[in-house]
């Protein structure tokens, strides 16, 4: 993962914010680790195991190369050539970077840009991460959209 890439700035700022429940642990962890460098990452990275499974076991295999990684102790899909974060687990949700018409298509088919958490708080992922982001919704087209996004970020 490339911590210097502008495309990753908002995500890293969010993951390392001081009000994060895992803030202290994240400071002590590397910014990026291979997915299998953490013992039992499906259960020990602060996200619901079904969310990690969705990213790594369902969406990940649809991509041309293995993109599984852990960013600031958070399961993610990271482009192996450009270091751009493509998807991220967020507790009981997951978010996808779908630039251009991909995001609009996802929204038209049921993806959201705002999540309401059990605490009553909300997250507007486009305000937090940028205009390319949506919350995943277990849509079958997510695999195709993520594959297209991967290809778009291959040459950047």
N, C-alpha and C. Protein backbone atom coordinates (compact mmCIF):
# COMPACT_ATOMS: atom_id res chain seq x y z
N UNK A 1 0.84 -1.17 0.00
CA UNK A 1 0.00 0.00 0.00
C UNK A 1 0.89 1.23 0.00
N UNK A 2 0.48 2.25 -0.71
CA UNK A 2 1.26 3.47 -0.82
C UNK A 2 0.64 4.55 0.07
N UNK A 3 1.30 4.83 1.18
CA UNK A 3 0.77 5.84 2.12
C UNK A 3 0.90 7.25 1.58
N UNK A 4 1.70 7.43 0.54
CA UNK A 4 1.89 8.76 -0.05
C UNK A 4 0.85 9.08 -1.13
N UNK A 5 0.12 8.10 -1.60
CA UNK A 5 -0.86 8.33 -2.66
C UNK A 5 -2.00 9.19 -2.13
N UNK A 6 -2.33 10.23 -2.87
CA UNK A 6 -3.43 11.10 -2.49
C UNK A 6 -4.73 10.31 -2.37
N UNK A 7 -4.89 9.29 -3.21
CA UNK A 7 -6.11 8.48 -3.19
C UNK A 7 -6.31 7.77 -1.85
N UNK A 8 -5.25 7.60 -1.08
CA UNK A 8 -5.34 6.90 0.20
C UNK A 8 -5.42 7.82 1.42
N UNK A 9 -5.21 9.10 1.23
CA UNK A 9 -5.11 10.05 2.34
C UNK A 9 -6.34 10.05 3.24
N UNK A 10 -7.52 10.21 2.67
CA UNK A 10 -8.74 10.29 3.50
C UNK A 10 -8.99 9.00 4.26
N UNK A 11 -8.67 7.87 3.63
CA UNK A 11 -8.90 6.58 4.28
C UNK A 11 -7.96 6.44 5.48
N UNK A 12 -6.69 6.76 5.29
CA UNK A 12 -5.73 6.66 6.38
C UNK A 12 -6.07 7.63 7.50
N UNK A 13 -6.49 8.85 7.15
CA UNK A 13 -6.90 9.81 8.17
C UNK A 13 -8.06 9.25 8.99
N UNK A 14 -9.01 8.63 8.33
CA UNK A 14 -10.16 8.04 9.03
C UNK A 14 -9.73 6.89 9.94
N UNK A 15 -8.90 6.01 9.42
CA UNK A 15 -8.49 4.84 10.19
C UNK A 15 -7.64 5.21 11.40
N UNK A 16 -6.92 6.31 11.32
CA UNK A 16 -6.02 6.70 12.41
C UNK A 16 -6.56 7.82 13.29
N UNK A 17 -7.84 8.13 13.15
CA UNK A 17 -8.40 9.21 13.97
C UNK A 17 -8.39 8.79 15.44
N UNK A 18 -8.23 9.76 16.28
CA UNK A 18 -8.06 9.49 17.71
C UNK A 18 -9.29 8.91 18.38
N UNK A 19 -10.47 9.11 17.82
CA UNK A 19 -11.66 8.55 18.47
C UNK A 19 -11.95 7.12 18.02
N UNK A 20 -11.06 6.55 17.21
CA UNK A 20 -11.21 5.16 16.78
C UNK A 20 -11.03 4.25 17.99
N UNK A 21 -11.90 3.24 18.10
CA UNK A 21 -11.82 2.36 19.26
C UNK A 21 -10.53 1.54 19.27
N UNK A 22 -9.84 1.45 18.17
CA UNK A 22 -8.59 0.69 18.11
C UNK A 22 -7.39 1.62 17.89
N UNK A 23 -7.53 2.90 18.18
CA UNK A 23 -6.51 3.88 17.88
C UNK A 23 -5.12 3.49 18.38
N UNK A 24 -4.99 3.14 19.65
CA UNK A 24 -3.68 2.80 20.21
C UNK A 24 -3.07 1.61 19.50
N UNK A 25 -3.85 0.57 19.27
CA UNK A 25 -3.33 -0.60 18.56
C UNK A 25 -2.89 -0.25 17.15
N UNK A 26 -3.64 0.61 16.49
CA UNK A 26 -3.32 0.97 15.11
C UNK A 26 -2.01 1.74 15.03
N UNK A 27 -1.71 2.53 16.03
CA UNK A 27 -0.45 3.27 16.03
C UNK A 27 0.74 2.32 16.13
N UNK A 28 0.56 1.21 16.84
CA UNK A 28 1.64 0.27 17.04
C UNK A 28 1.76 -0.73 15.89
N UNK A 29 0.76 -0.80 15.02
CA UNK A 29 0.76 -1.76 13.92
C UNK A 29 1.34 -1.10 12.66
N UNK A 30 1.82 -1.90 11.72
CA UNK A 30 2.28 -1.32 10.45
C UNK A 30 1.08 -0.77 9.68
N UNK A 31 1.34 0.22 8.82
CA UNK A 31 0.27 0.76 7.99
C UNK A 31 -0.34 -0.34 7.13
N UNK A 32 0.50 -1.23 6.62
CA UNK A 32 0.02 -2.26 5.72
C UNK A 32 0.68 -3.59 6.05
N UNK A 33 -0.10 -4.64 6.01
CA UNK A 33 0.43 -5.99 6.20
C UNK A 33 -0.29 -6.91 5.23
N UNK A 34 0.37 -7.97 4.85
CA UNK A 34 -0.30 -8.98 4.05
C UNK A 34 -1.41 -9.60 4.87
N UNK A 35 -2.44 -10.05 4.23
CA UNK A 35 -3.63 -10.54 4.92
C UNK A 35 -3.33 -11.66 5.89
N UNK A 36 -2.33 -12.47 5.60
CA UNK A 36 -2.06 -13.63 6.45
C UNK A 36 -0.99 -13.36 7.51
N UNK A 37 -0.63 -12.10 7.71
CA UNK A 37 0.37 -11.75 8.73
C UNK A 37 -0.24 -11.56 10.11
N UNK A 38 -1.56 -11.52 10.19
CA UNK A 38 -2.26 -11.36 11.47
C UNK A 38 -2.91 -12.70 11.79
N UNK A 39 -2.67 -13.23 12.98
CA UNK A 39 -3.33 -14.48 13.36
C UNK A 39 -4.85 -14.31 13.35
N UNK A 40 -5.54 -15.17 12.66
CA UNK A 40 -7.00 -15.17 12.60
C UNK A 40 -7.58 -13.80 12.24
N UNK A 41 -7.21 -13.25 11.08
CA UNK A 41 -7.65 -11.90 10.73
C UNK A 41 -9.16 -11.77 10.54
N UNK A 42 -9.85 -12.86 10.29
CA UNK A 42 -11.30 -12.78 10.14
C UNK A 42 -11.97 -12.42 11.47
N UNK A 43 -11.33 -12.77 12.57
CA UNK A 43 -11.91 -12.53 13.88
C UNK A 43 -11.19 -11.44 14.69
N UNK A 44 -9.96 -11.07 14.29
CA UNK A 44 -9.16 -10.22 15.17
C UNK A 44 -8.82 -8.86 14.58
N UNK A 45 -9.55 -8.43 13.58
CA UNK A 45 -9.24 -7.13 12.97
C UNK A 45 -10.37 -6.12 13.14
N UNK A 46 -11.26 -6.36 14.11
CA UNK A 46 -12.27 -5.36 14.45
C UNK A 46 -13.45 -5.28 13.50
N UNK A 47 -13.60 -6.25 12.62
CA UNK A 47 -14.71 -6.24 11.68
C UNK A 47 -15.46 -7.56 11.76
N UNK A 48 -16.72 -7.53 11.42
CA UNK A 48 -17.51 -8.76 11.44
C UNK A 48 -16.90 -9.75 10.44
N UNK A 49 -16.76 -11.01 10.82
CA UNK A 49 -16.12 -11.98 9.92
C UNK A 49 -16.82 -12.14 8.58
N UNK A 50 -18.14 -11.93 8.52
CA UNK A 50 -18.83 -12.01 7.24
C UNK A 50 -18.44 -10.87 6.30
N UNK A 51 -18.08 -9.73 6.87
CA UNK A 51 -17.62 -8.60 6.07
C UNK A 51 -16.25 -8.92 5.48
N UNK A 52 -15.37 -9.46 6.30
CA UNK A 52 -14.04 -9.84 5.82
C UNK A 52 -14.18 -10.92 4.74
N UNK A 53 -15.05 -11.86 4.97
CA UNK A 53 -15.29 -12.92 3.99
C UNK A 53 -15.80 -12.33 2.67
N UNK A 54 -16.70 -11.37 2.75
CA UNK A 54 -17.21 -10.74 1.52
C UNK A 54 -16.08 -10.11 0.73
N UNK A 55 -15.22 -9.37 1.40
CA UNK A 55 -14.11 -8.72 0.69
C UNK A 55 -13.09 -9.72 0.17
N UNK A 56 -12.58 -10.55 1.05
CA UNK A 56 -11.45 -11.40 0.70
C UNK A 56 -11.81 -12.68 -0.04
N UNK A 57 -12.96 -13.27 0.27
CA UNK A 57 -13.30 -14.58 -0.30
C UNK A 57 -14.29 -14.52 -1.44
N UNK A 58 -15.01 -13.41 -1.57
CA UNK A 58 -16.00 -13.30 -2.64
C UNK A 58 -15.60 -12.26 -3.67
N UNK A 59 -15.30 -11.04 -3.25
CA UNK A 59 -14.91 -9.99 -4.20
C UNK A 59 -13.46 -10.18 -4.64
N UNK A 60 -12.58 -10.44 -3.70
CA UNK A 60 -11.15 -10.57 -4.01
C UNK A 60 -10.83 -11.54 -5.14
N UNK A 61 -11.40 -12.74 -5.16
CA UNK A 61 -11.08 -13.68 -6.23
C UNK A 61 -11.54 -13.23 -7.62
N UNK A 62 -12.45 -12.25 -7.68
CA UNK A 62 -12.90 -11.74 -8.98
C UNK A 62 -11.88 -10.77 -9.58
N UNK A 63 -10.89 -10.36 -8.81
CA UNK A 63 -9.88 -9.42 -9.29
C UNK A 63 -8.73 -10.18 -9.96
N UNK A 64 -8.03 -9.52 -10.88
CA UNK A 64 -6.96 -10.21 -11.61
C UNK A 64 -5.81 -10.72 -10.74
N UNK A 65 -5.52 -10.03 -9.64
CA UNK A 65 -4.44 -10.45 -8.74
C UNK A 65 -4.93 -10.40 -7.30
N UNK A 66 -4.22 -11.09 -6.44
CA UNK A 66 -4.57 -11.10 -5.02
C UNK A 66 -4.35 -9.71 -4.44
N UNK A 67 -5.40 -9.13 -3.90
CA UNK A 67 -5.35 -7.77 -3.35
C UNK A 67 -5.57 -7.74 -1.84
N UNK A 68 -5.69 -8.90 -1.22
CA UNK A 68 -5.99 -8.94 0.21
C UNK A 68 -4.86 -8.31 1.02
N UNK A 69 -5.25 -7.45 1.94
CA UNK A 69 -4.27 -6.82 2.81
C UNK A 69 -4.95 -6.30 4.06
N UNK A 70 -4.13 -5.83 4.97
CA UNK A 70 -4.62 -5.25 6.21
C UNK A 70 -4.01 -3.85 6.31
N UNK A 71 -4.87 -2.85 6.32
CA UNK A 71 -4.46 -1.45 6.40
C UNK A 71 -4.82 -0.94 7.78
N UNK A 72 -3.84 -0.55 8.56
CA UNK A 72 -4.09 -0.06 9.92
C UNK A 72 -5.00 -1.03 10.68
N UNK A 73 -4.67 -2.30 10.64
CA UNK A 73 -5.42 -3.38 11.30
C UNK A 73 -6.84 -3.55 10.77
N UNK A 74 -7.10 -3.12 9.54
CA UNK A 74 -8.42 -3.20 8.95
C UNK A 74 -8.34 -3.99 7.65
N UNK A 75 -9.14 -5.04 7.48
CA UNK A 75 -9.13 -5.81 6.24
C UNK A 75 -9.47 -4.92 5.04
N UNK A 76 -8.73 -5.13 3.96
CA UNK A 76 -8.89 -4.28 2.78
C UNK A 76 -8.53 -5.06 1.52
N UNK A 77 -8.86 -4.46 0.39
CA UNK A 77 -8.35 -4.88 -0.90
C UNK A 77 -7.51 -3.72 -1.41
N UNK A 78 -6.25 -3.99 -1.71
CA UNK A 78 -5.31 -2.96 -2.13
C UNK A 78 -4.69 -3.36 -3.46
N UNK A 79 -4.73 -2.45 -4.42
CA UNK A 79 -4.17 -2.75 -5.74
C UNK A 79 -2.69 -3.08 -5.60
N UNK A 80 -2.25 -4.25 -6.07
CA UNK A 80 -0.86 -4.67 -5.83
C UNK A 80 0.19 -3.87 -6.61
N UNK A 81 -0.20 -3.21 -7.69
CA UNK A 81 0.77 -2.43 -8.46
C UNK A 81 0.81 -0.97 -8.04
N UNK A 82 -0.35 -0.37 -7.83
CA UNK A 82 -0.40 1.07 -7.56
C UNK A 82 -0.48 1.39 -6.07
N UNK A 83 -0.84 0.40 -5.24
CA UNK A 83 -0.96 0.64 -3.81
C UNK A 83 -2.20 1.41 -3.41
N UNK A 84 -3.17 1.53 -4.31
CA UNK A 84 -4.40 2.25 -4.02
C UNK A 84 -5.39 1.32 -3.33
N UNK A 85 -5.99 1.80 -2.25
CA UNK A 85 -7.00 1.03 -1.53
C UNK A 85 -8.26 0.98 -2.38
N UNK A 86 -8.73 -0.24 -2.66
CA UNK A 86 -9.90 -0.46 -3.51
C UNK A 86 -11.17 -0.75 -2.71
N UNK A 87 -11.03 -1.34 -1.55
CA UNK A 87 -12.18 -1.70 -0.71
C UNK A 87 -11.70 -1.83 0.73
N UNK A 88 -12.62 -1.64 1.66
CA UNK A 88 -12.25 -1.64 3.06
C UNK A 88 -13.40 -2.16 3.90
N UNK A 89 -13.09 -2.97 4.89
CA UNK A 89 -14.08 -3.40 5.86
C UNK A 89 -14.26 -2.29 6.90
N UNK A 90 -15.50 -2.11 7.33
CA UNK A 90 -15.80 -1.09 8.34
C UNK A 90 -16.77 -1.68 9.35
N UNK A 91 -16.26 -2.49 10.26
CA UNK A 91 -17.11 -3.08 11.29
C UNK A 91 -18.11 -4.05 10.71
N UNK A 92 -19.37 -3.63 10.63
CA UNK A 92 -20.44 -4.47 10.08
C UNK A 92 -20.82 -4.05 8.66
N UNK A 93 -19.99 -3.24 8.04
CA UNK A 93 -20.21 -2.77 6.66
C UNK A 93 -18.91 -2.93 5.88
N UNK A 94 -19.00 -2.78 4.57
CA UNK A 94 -17.81 -2.70 3.74
C UNK A 94 -18.04 -1.62 2.70
N UNK A 95 -16.95 -1.00 2.27
CA UNK A 95 -17.04 0.07 1.29
C UNK A 95 -16.17 -0.28 0.08
N UNK A 96 -16.63 0.19 -1.07
CA UNK A 96 -15.97 -0.08 -2.34
C UNK A 96 -15.63 1.22 -3.05
N UNK A 97 -14.44 1.29 -3.63
CA UNK A 97 -14.05 2.45 -4.45
C UNK A 97 -14.50 2.14 -5.88
N UNK A 98 -15.54 2.85 -6.32
CA UNK A 98 -16.10 2.65 -7.65
C UNK A 98 -16.15 3.99 -8.38
N UNK A 99 -15.09 4.32 -9.11
CA UNK A 99 -15.02 5.63 -9.75
C UNK A 99 -15.98 5.79 -10.93
N UNK A 100 -16.28 7.05 -11.21
CA UNK A 100 -17.09 7.40 -12.39
C UNK A 100 -18.47 6.78 -12.37
N UNK A 101 -18.85 6.23 -13.51
CA UNK A 101 -20.19 5.67 -13.66
C UNK A 101 -20.37 4.38 -12.87
N UNK A 102 -19.30 3.75 -12.43
CA UNK A 102 -19.43 2.52 -11.63
C UNK A 102 -20.19 2.79 -10.34
N UNK A 103 -19.85 3.87 -9.67
CA UNK A 103 -20.53 4.23 -8.42
C UNK A 103 -21.99 4.58 -8.66
N UNK A 104 -22.26 5.33 -9.73
CA UNK A 104 -23.64 5.68 -10.05
C UNK A 104 -24.46 4.43 -10.35
N UNK A 105 -23.87 3.49 -11.07
CA UNK A 105 -24.55 2.24 -11.38
C UNK A 105 -24.84 1.47 -10.10
N UNK A 106 -23.87 1.42 -9.20
CA UNK A 106 -24.05 0.72 -7.93
C UNK A 106 -25.18 1.34 -7.11
N UNK A 107 -25.23 2.65 -7.06
CA UNK A 107 -26.28 3.34 -6.31
C UNK A 107 -27.65 3.06 -6.93
N UNK A 108 -27.70 3.06 -8.25
CA UNK A 108 -28.99 2.80 -8.91
C UNK A 108 -29.49 1.38 -8.64
N UNK A 109 -28.57 0.48 -8.26
CA UNK A 109 -28.96 -0.91 -8.00
C UNK A 109 -29.03 -1.25 -6.51
N UNK A 110 -28.89 -0.25 -5.65
CA UNK A 110 -29.12 -0.49 -4.23
C UNK A 110 -27.99 -0.17 -3.28
N UNK A 111 -26.82 0.18 -3.78
CA UNK A 111 -25.73 0.58 -2.89
C UNK A 111 -26.08 1.93 -2.26
N UNK A 112 -25.53 2.17 -1.08
CA UNK A 112 -25.79 3.42 -0.36
C UNK A 112 -24.50 4.21 -0.20
N UNK A 113 -24.65 5.48 0.10
CA UNK A 113 -23.49 6.31 0.41
C UNK A 113 -23.47 6.71 1.88
N UNK A 114 -24.55 6.42 2.59
CA UNK A 114 -24.64 6.75 4.01
C UNK A 114 -25.03 5.48 4.78
N UNK A 115 -24.34 5.24 5.89
CA UNK A 115 -24.68 4.11 6.76
C UNK A 115 -25.08 4.66 8.13
N UNK A 116 -26.09 4.03 8.71
CA UNK A 116 -26.49 4.36 10.07
C UNK A 116 -26.04 3.20 10.95
N UNK A 117 -25.29 3.52 12.00
CA UNK A 117 -24.72 2.53 12.89
C UNK A 117 -25.63 2.26 14.06
N UNK A 118 -25.38 1.20 14.77
CA UNK A 118 -26.21 0.83 15.92
C UNK A 118 -26.19 1.88 17.02
N UNK A 119 -25.18 2.72 17.03
CA UNK A 119 -25.09 3.80 18.02
C UNK A 119 -25.97 4.98 17.68
N UNK A 120 -26.52 4.98 16.45
CA UNK A 120 -27.30 6.11 15.98
C UNK A 120 -26.48 7.06 15.12
N UNK A 121 -25.17 6.94 15.18
CA UNK A 121 -24.30 7.78 14.35
C UNK A 121 -24.43 7.37 12.89
N UNK A 122 -24.09 8.28 12.00
CA UNK A 122 -24.10 7.98 10.57
C UNK A 122 -22.74 8.30 9.97
N UNK A 123 -22.43 7.64 8.87
CA UNK A 123 -21.23 7.92 8.10
C UNK A 123 -21.63 8.14 6.65
N UNK A 124 -21.32 9.32 6.13
CA UNK A 124 -21.46 9.61 4.71
C UNK A 124 -20.12 9.28 4.09
N UNK A 125 -20.02 8.14 3.43
CA UNK A 125 -18.74 7.65 2.95
C UNK A 125 -18.14 8.55 1.88
N UNK A 126 -18.95 9.24 1.13
CA UNK A 126 -18.41 10.15 0.11
C UNK A 126 -17.81 11.39 0.75
N UNK A 127 -18.40 11.84 1.81
CA UNK A 127 -17.82 12.98 2.52
C UNK A 127 -16.55 12.55 3.25
N UNK A 128 -16.54 11.33 3.77
CA UNK A 128 -15.42 10.83 4.56
C UNK A 128 -14.25 10.38 3.70
N UNK A 129 -14.51 9.61 2.64
CA UNK A 129 -13.44 9.04 1.81
C UNK A 129 -13.30 9.72 0.45
N UNK A 130 -14.39 10.23 -0.11
CA UNK A 130 -14.34 10.85 -1.42
C UNK A 130 -15.46 10.34 -2.32
N UNK A 131 -15.61 10.98 -3.46
CA UNK A 131 -16.74 10.74 -4.36
C UNK A 131 -16.78 9.36 -5.00
N UNK A 132 -15.69 8.61 -4.96
CA UNK A 132 -15.64 7.30 -5.61
C UNK A 132 -16.18 6.17 -4.74
N UNK A 133 -16.61 6.45 -3.51
CA UNK A 133 -16.90 5.40 -2.55
C UNK A 133 -18.39 5.17 -2.34
N UNK A 134 -18.75 3.89 -2.14
CA UNK A 134 -20.12 3.50 -1.76
C UNK A 134 -20.03 2.38 -0.73
N UNK A 135 -21.09 2.24 0.05
CA UNK A 135 -21.20 1.09 0.93
C UNK A 135 -21.66 -0.10 0.10
N UNK A 136 -21.02 -1.25 0.32
CA UNK A 136 -21.41 -2.46 -0.38
C UNK A 136 -22.77 -2.95 0.09
N UNK A 137 -23.40 -3.75 -0.77
CA UNK A 137 -24.74 -4.24 -0.45
C UNK A 137 -24.94 -5.69 -0.90
N UNK A 138 -23.86 -6.43 -1.02
CA UNK A 138 -23.91 -7.84 -1.45
C UNK A 138 -24.61 -7.97 -2.80
N UNK A 139 -24.39 -6.99 -3.67
CA UNK A 139 -24.98 -7.03 -5.01
C UNK A 139 -24.11 -7.91 -5.91
N UNK A 140 -24.73 -8.69 -6.77
CA UNK A 140 -23.94 -9.58 -7.63
C UNK A 140 -23.02 -8.81 -8.56
N UNK A 141 -23.41 -7.61 -8.96
CA UNK A 141 -22.59 -6.81 -9.87
C UNK A 141 -21.35 -6.23 -9.21
N UNK A 142 -21.25 -6.31 -7.89
CA UNK A 142 -20.07 -5.76 -7.20
C UNK A 142 -18.78 -6.39 -7.71
N UNK A 143 -18.81 -7.65 -8.02
CA UNK A 143 -17.60 -8.32 -8.52
C UNK A 143 -17.16 -7.71 -9.84
N UNK A 144 -18.11 -7.45 -10.73
CA UNK A 144 -17.80 -6.84 -12.02
C UNK A 144 -17.32 -5.40 -11.83
N UNK A 145 -18.02 -4.63 -10.99
CA UNK A 145 -17.63 -3.24 -10.77
C UNK A 145 -16.23 -3.16 -10.17
N UNK A 146 -15.95 -4.01 -9.20
CA UNK A 146 -14.63 -3.98 -8.55
C UNK A 146 -13.53 -4.39 -9.54
N UNK A 147 -13.84 -5.33 -10.42
CA UNK A 147 -12.88 -5.73 -11.44
C UNK A 147 -12.59 -4.57 -12.38
N UNK A 148 -13.62 -3.84 -12.76
CA UNK A 148 -13.43 -2.67 -13.63
C UNK A 148 -12.63 -1.58 -12.91
N UNK A 149 -12.94 -1.36 -11.64
CA UNK A 149 -12.19 -0.37 -10.86
C UNK A 149 -10.72 -0.77 -10.77
N UNK A 150 -10.46 -2.05 -10.53
CA UNK A 150 -9.09 -2.55 -10.50
C UNK A 150 -8.37 -2.17 -11.79
N UNK A 151 -9.00 -2.45 -12.92
CA UNK A 151 -8.38 -2.14 -14.23
C UNK A 151 -8.16 -0.63 -14.38
N UNK A 152 -9.11 0.17 -13.93
CA UNK A 152 -8.97 1.63 -14.02
C UNK A 152 -7.75 2.12 -13.23
N UNK A 153 -7.49 1.50 -12.09
CA UNK A 153 -6.38 1.94 -11.26
C UNK A 153 -5.05 1.25 -11.60
N UNK A 154 -5.07 0.35 -12.56
CA UNK A 154 -3.83 -0.31 -12.96
C UNK A 154 -2.87 0.66 -13.63
N UNK A 155 -3.39 1.64 -14.36
CA UNK A 155 -2.52 2.54 -15.11
C UNK A 155 -2.32 3.89 -14.44
N UNK A 156 -2.79 4.06 -13.19
CA UNK A 156 -2.63 5.38 -12.55
C UNK A 156 -1.38 5.45 -11.70
